[in-house]
């Protein structure tokens, strides 16, 4: 699994120009069950996405489709982690590795 931290590198007015297409990008990967949760950071300096993948290459490919990435609105930090404990309500999303 990966946390993807999105960091805006353009003013919020520029971010908002691409927000609708960014939401469509998010919807695409929610439909494919790749995204588990996403949202804005507070203060509004970017966002965060929890990605259901064990492949950094796959996450790189997904992020390369983000309009924020394509239009150089944001940069990204990837944090890979292995979930070993979680609330039972999240079990449909989890791949436990020991």
N, C-alpha and C. Protein backbone atom coordinates (compact mmCIF):
# COMPACT_ATOMS: atom_id res chain seq x y z
N UNK A 1 0.83 -1.17 0.00
CA UNK A 1 0.00 0.00 0.00
C UNK A 1 0.88 1.24 0.00
N UNK A 2 0.33 2.32 -0.51
CA UNK A 2 1.08 3.57 -0.58
C UNK A 2 0.22 4.73 -0.12
N UNK A 3 0.83 5.60 0.68
CA UNK A 3 0.29 6.93 0.89
C UNK A 3 0.95 7.79 -0.18
N UNK A 4 0.15 8.53 -0.90
CA UNK A 4 0.68 9.50 -1.85
C UNK A 4 0.34 10.87 -1.31
N UNK A 5 1.38 11.63 -0.97
CA UNK A 5 1.19 12.99 -0.50
C UNK A 5 1.35 13.93 -1.67
N UNK A 6 0.34 14.73 -1.92
CA UNK A 6 0.32 15.68 -3.02
C UNK A 6 0.65 17.05 -2.43
N UNK A 7 1.66 17.71 -3.00
CA UNK A 7 2.10 19.02 -2.53
C UNK A 7 1.94 20.03 -3.66
N UNK A 8 1.07 21.01 -3.47
CA UNK A 8 0.87 22.03 -4.50
C UNK A 8 2.14 22.85 -4.66
N UNK A 9 2.49 23.11 -5.91
CA UNK A 9 3.64 23.96 -6.21
C UNK A 9 3.21 25.20 -7.00
N UNK A 10 1.91 25.33 -7.20
CA UNK A 10 1.32 26.51 -7.87
C UNK A 10 0.31 27.13 -6.92
N UNK A 11 -0.03 28.39 -7.13
CA UNK A 11 -1.06 29.04 -6.29
C UNK A 11 -2.40 28.30 -6.39
N UNK A 12 -3.19 28.43 -5.33
CA UNK A 12 -4.46 27.72 -5.23
C UNK A 12 -5.38 28.04 -6.41
N UNK A 13 -5.27 29.25 -6.96
CA UNK A 13 -6.10 29.61 -8.12
C UNK A 13 -5.78 28.72 -9.32
N UNK A 14 -4.53 28.36 -9.48
CA UNK A 14 -4.13 27.46 -10.57
C UNK A 14 -4.61 26.05 -10.25
N UNK A 15 -4.47 25.63 -9.01
CA UNK A 15 -4.95 24.31 -8.58
C UNK A 15 -6.43 24.16 -8.94
N UNK A 16 -7.21 25.17 -8.63
CA UNK A 16 -8.66 25.10 -8.87
C UNK A 16 -9.02 25.01 -10.34
N UNK A 17 -8.16 25.51 -11.22
CA UNK A 17 -8.40 25.38 -12.67
C UNK A 17 -8.42 23.92 -13.10
N UNK A 18 -7.69 23.07 -12.40
CA UNK A 18 -7.57 21.66 -12.77
C UNK A 18 -8.33 20.73 -11.82
N UNK A 19 -9.08 21.30 -10.89
CA UNK A 19 -9.73 20.50 -9.87
C UNK A 19 -10.77 19.54 -10.44
N UNK A 20 -11.59 20.00 -11.37
CA UNK A 20 -12.63 19.14 -11.94
C UNK A 20 -12.01 17.93 -12.65
N UNK A 21 -10.96 18.15 -13.43
CA UNK A 21 -10.33 17.02 -14.11
C UNK A 21 -9.58 16.13 -13.12
N UNK A 22 -9.06 16.71 -12.05
CA UNK A 22 -8.42 15.90 -10.99
C UNK A 22 -9.45 14.99 -10.33
N UNK A 23 -10.64 15.50 -10.07
CA UNK A 23 -11.70 14.69 -9.45
C UNK A 23 -12.09 13.54 -10.39
N UNK A 24 -12.15 13.81 -11.69
CA UNK A 24 -12.44 12.73 -12.66
C UNK A 24 -11.36 11.66 -12.62
N UNK A 25 -10.10 12.08 -12.50
CA UNK A 25 -8.98 11.15 -12.35
C UNK A 25 -9.18 10.29 -11.10
N UNK A 26 -9.52 10.93 -9.97
CA UNK A 26 -9.76 10.18 -8.73
C UNK A 26 -10.89 9.17 -8.92
N UNK A 27 -11.98 9.61 -9.54
CA UNK A 27 -13.14 8.73 -9.75
C UNK A 27 -12.75 7.49 -10.55
N UNK A 28 -11.92 7.67 -11.56
CA UNK A 28 -11.48 6.54 -12.39
C UNK A 28 -10.82 5.46 -11.54
N UNK A 29 -9.94 5.88 -10.62
CA UNK A 29 -9.22 4.89 -9.83
C UNK A 29 -10.00 4.39 -8.62
N UNK A 30 -11.01 5.15 -8.18
CA UNK A 30 -11.94 4.59 -7.19
C UNK A 30 -12.75 3.47 -7.84
N UNK A 31 -13.17 3.66 -9.08
CA UNK A 31 -13.94 2.63 -9.79
C UNK A 31 -13.12 1.36 -9.97
N UNK A 32 -11.81 1.50 -10.13
CA UNK A 32 -10.93 0.34 -10.30
C UNK A 32 -10.47 -0.25 -8.96
N UNK A 33 -10.98 0.32 -7.85
CA UNK A 33 -10.65 -0.15 -6.50
C UNK A 33 -9.18 0.05 -6.16
N UNK A 34 -8.53 1.00 -6.80
CA UNK A 34 -7.13 1.32 -6.49
C UNK A 34 -7.02 2.38 -5.41
N UNK A 35 -7.97 3.31 -5.33
CA UNK A 35 -7.95 4.34 -4.30
C UNK A 35 -8.90 3.96 -3.19
N UNK A 36 -8.45 4.13 -1.97
CA UNK A 36 -9.25 3.79 -0.80
C UNK A 36 -9.82 5.05 -0.16
N UNK A 37 -9.00 6.08 -0.07
CA UNK A 37 -9.43 7.34 0.54
C UNK A 37 -8.55 8.46 -0.04
N UNK A 38 -9.13 9.64 -0.13
CA UNK A 38 -8.36 10.80 -0.59
C UNK A 38 -8.98 12.05 -0.01
N UNK A 39 -8.20 13.11 0.00
CA UNK A 39 -8.74 14.36 0.48
C UNK A 39 -7.70 15.46 0.54
N UNK A 40 -8.18 16.65 0.88
CA UNK A 40 -7.32 17.83 0.98
C UNK A 40 -6.56 17.82 2.30
N UNK A 41 -5.38 18.39 2.25
CA UNK A 41 -4.62 18.60 3.48
C UNK A 41 -5.10 19.90 4.12
N UNK A 42 -4.92 20.01 5.42
CA UNK A 42 -5.33 21.20 6.14
C UNK A 42 -4.13 21.71 6.93
N UNK A 43 -3.57 22.88 6.58
CA UNK A 43 -4.07 23.84 5.61
C UNK A 43 -3.96 23.30 4.19
N UNK A 44 -4.63 23.97 3.28
CA UNK A 44 -4.78 23.48 1.91
C UNK A 44 -3.50 23.68 1.09
N UNK A 45 -2.54 22.82 1.37
CA UNK A 45 -1.25 22.86 0.68
C UNK A 45 -1.09 21.68 -0.28
N UNK A 46 -2.12 20.85 -0.37
CA UNK A 46 -2.06 19.66 -1.20
C UNK A 46 -3.11 18.67 -0.75
N UNK A 47 -2.83 17.41 -0.99
CA UNK A 47 -3.78 16.37 -0.62
C UNK A 47 -3.07 15.09 -0.28
N UNK A 48 -3.85 14.06 -0.05
CA UNK A 48 -3.31 12.74 0.26
C UNK A 48 -4.24 11.69 -0.34
N UNK A 49 -3.63 10.62 -0.82
CA UNK A 49 -4.38 9.50 -1.42
C UNK A 49 -3.81 8.21 -0.85
N UNK A 50 -4.68 7.32 -0.41
CA UNK A 50 -4.27 5.98 0.00
C UNK A 50 -4.53 5.06 -1.18
N UNK A 51 -3.45 4.46 -1.70
CA UNK A 51 -3.52 3.65 -2.92
C UNK A 51 -3.35 2.18 -2.58
N UNK A 52 -4.27 1.37 -3.06
CA UNK A 52 -4.25 -0.07 -2.84
C UNK A 52 -3.41 -0.73 -3.94
N UNK A 53 -2.11 -0.75 -3.72
CA UNK A 53 -1.18 -1.35 -4.68
C UNK A 53 0.08 -1.77 -3.93
N UNK A 54 0.73 -2.81 -4.40
CA UNK A 54 2.01 -3.22 -3.83
C UNK A 54 3.15 -2.91 -4.80
N UNK A 55 2.85 -2.19 -5.88
CA UNK A 55 3.83 -1.92 -6.92
C UNK A 55 4.06 -0.42 -7.07
N UNK A 56 5.29 0.02 -6.81
CA UNK A 56 5.64 1.43 -6.99
C UNK A 56 5.49 1.83 -8.46
N UNK A 57 5.83 0.92 -9.37
CA UNK A 57 5.68 1.20 -10.80
C UNK A 57 4.23 1.48 -11.15
N UNK A 58 3.32 0.70 -10.57
CA UNK A 58 1.90 0.93 -10.84
C UNK A 58 1.46 2.29 -10.30
N UNK A 59 1.90 2.64 -9.11
CA UNK A 59 1.53 3.92 -8.51
C UNK A 59 2.10 5.07 -9.33
N UNK A 60 3.34 4.93 -9.80
CA UNK A 60 3.92 5.94 -10.69
C UNK A 60 3.09 6.13 -11.95
N UNK A 61 2.66 5.04 -12.54
CA UNK A 61 1.85 5.10 -13.75
C UNK A 61 0.52 5.80 -13.48
N UNK A 62 -0.12 5.45 -12.37
CA UNK A 62 -1.39 6.08 -12.00
C UNK A 62 -1.20 7.58 -11.81
N UNK A 63 -0.22 7.96 -11.03
CA UNK A 63 0.00 9.39 -10.75
C UNK A 63 0.32 10.16 -12.02
N UNK A 64 0.98 9.53 -12.97
CA UNK A 64 1.33 10.22 -14.22
C UNK A 64 0.10 10.65 -15.00
N UNK A 65 -1.06 10.11 -14.66
CA UNK A 65 -2.32 10.49 -15.33
C UNK A 65 -3.05 11.63 -14.62
N UNK A 66 -2.58 12.01 -13.44
CA UNK A 66 -3.24 13.06 -12.67
C UNK A 66 -3.05 14.41 -13.38
N UNK A 67 -4.12 15.13 -13.65
CA UNK A 67 -3.98 16.46 -14.26
C UNK A 67 -3.08 17.40 -13.46
N UNK A 68 -3.02 17.24 -12.15
CA UNK A 68 -2.10 18.04 -11.34
C UNK A 68 -0.65 17.74 -11.71
N UNK A 69 -0.36 16.46 -11.99
CA UNK A 69 0.98 16.06 -12.41
C UNK A 69 1.26 16.54 -13.83
N UNK A 70 0.35 16.26 -14.72
CA UNK A 70 0.52 16.61 -16.14
C UNK A 70 0.77 18.10 -16.31
N UNK A 71 0.05 18.93 -15.54
CA UNK A 71 0.14 20.38 -15.68
C UNK A 71 1.10 21.02 -14.69
N UNK A 72 1.91 20.19 -14.03
CA UNK A 72 2.95 20.67 -13.10
C UNK A 72 2.38 21.59 -12.02
N UNK A 73 1.23 21.19 -11.49
CA UNK A 73 0.56 21.91 -10.42
C UNK A 73 1.05 21.42 -9.06
N UNK A 74 1.50 20.16 -9.01
CA UNK A 74 1.88 19.56 -7.73
C UNK A 74 3.05 18.61 -7.94
N UNK A 75 3.74 18.33 -6.83
CA UNK A 75 4.69 17.22 -6.83
C UNK A 75 4.19 16.20 -5.82
N UNK A 76 4.81 15.04 -5.80
CA UNK A 76 4.26 13.90 -5.07
C UNK A 76 5.34 13.22 -4.24
N UNK A 77 4.93 12.77 -3.07
CA UNK A 77 5.79 11.97 -2.20
C UNK A 77 5.09 10.63 -2.01
N UNK A 78 5.84 9.55 -2.15
CA UNK A 78 5.29 8.20 -2.01
C UNK A 78 5.82 7.57 -0.73
N UNK A 79 4.91 7.05 0.07
CA UNK A 79 5.29 6.35 1.30
C UNK A 79 4.69 4.95 1.21
N UNK A 80 5.55 3.96 1.01
CA UNK A 80 5.08 2.57 0.95
C UNK A 80 5.03 2.01 2.36
N UNK A 81 3.97 1.27 2.64
CA UNK A 81 3.88 0.60 3.93
C UNK A 81 3.15 -0.72 3.78
N UNK A 82 3.37 -1.59 4.74
CA UNK A 82 2.74 -2.91 4.73
C UNK A 82 1.74 -2.95 5.88
N UNK A 83 0.44 -2.96 5.58
CA UNK A 83 -0.54 -3.00 6.66
C UNK A 83 -0.52 -4.36 7.36
N UNK A 84 -0.40 -4.31 8.66
CA UNK A 84 -0.40 -5.55 9.43
C UNK A 84 -1.54 -5.60 10.44
N UNK A 85 -2.16 -4.45 10.68
CA UNK A 85 -3.28 -4.40 11.62
C UNK A 85 -4.23 -3.30 11.13
N UNK A 86 -5.52 -3.58 11.21
CA UNK A 86 -6.51 -2.61 10.73
C UNK A 86 -7.88 -2.95 11.28
N UNK A 87 -8.76 -1.99 11.30
CA UNK A 87 -10.14 -2.18 11.71
C UNK A 87 -10.81 -3.13 10.72
N UNK A 88 -11.65 -4.01 11.20
CA UNK A 88 -12.30 -5.01 10.35
C UNK A 88 -13.11 -4.39 9.21
N UNK A 89 -13.57 -3.15 9.38
CA UNK A 89 -14.34 -2.49 8.32
C UNK A 89 -13.49 -2.22 7.08
N UNK A 90 -12.18 -2.20 7.23
CA UNK A 90 -11.29 -1.96 6.11
C UNK A 90 -10.79 -3.26 5.47
N UNK A 91 -11.18 -4.39 5.98
CA UNK A 91 -10.65 -5.66 5.49
C UNK A 91 -10.84 -5.89 3.99
N UNK A 92 -11.91 -5.40 3.35
CA UNK A 92 -12.00 -5.62 1.90
C UNK A 92 -10.86 -4.98 1.11
N UNK A 93 -10.18 -4.00 1.69
CA UNK A 93 -9.12 -3.28 0.98
C UNK A 93 -7.73 -3.79 1.31
N UNK A 94 -7.59 -4.59 2.34
CA UNK A 94 -6.29 -4.92 2.87
C UNK A 94 -5.73 -6.23 2.34
N UNK A 95 -4.43 -6.19 2.10
CA UNK A 95 -3.66 -7.38 1.80
C UNK A 95 -2.62 -7.48 2.90
N UNK A 96 -2.86 -8.34 3.86
CA UNK A 96 -1.96 -8.44 5.01
C UNK A 96 -0.73 -9.24 4.64
N UNK A 97 0.43 -8.72 5.01
CA UNK A 97 1.71 -9.39 4.80
C UNK A 97 2.38 -9.54 6.15
N UNK A 98 2.88 -10.69 6.44
CA UNK A 98 3.59 -10.92 7.71
C UNK A 98 5.08 -10.92 7.49
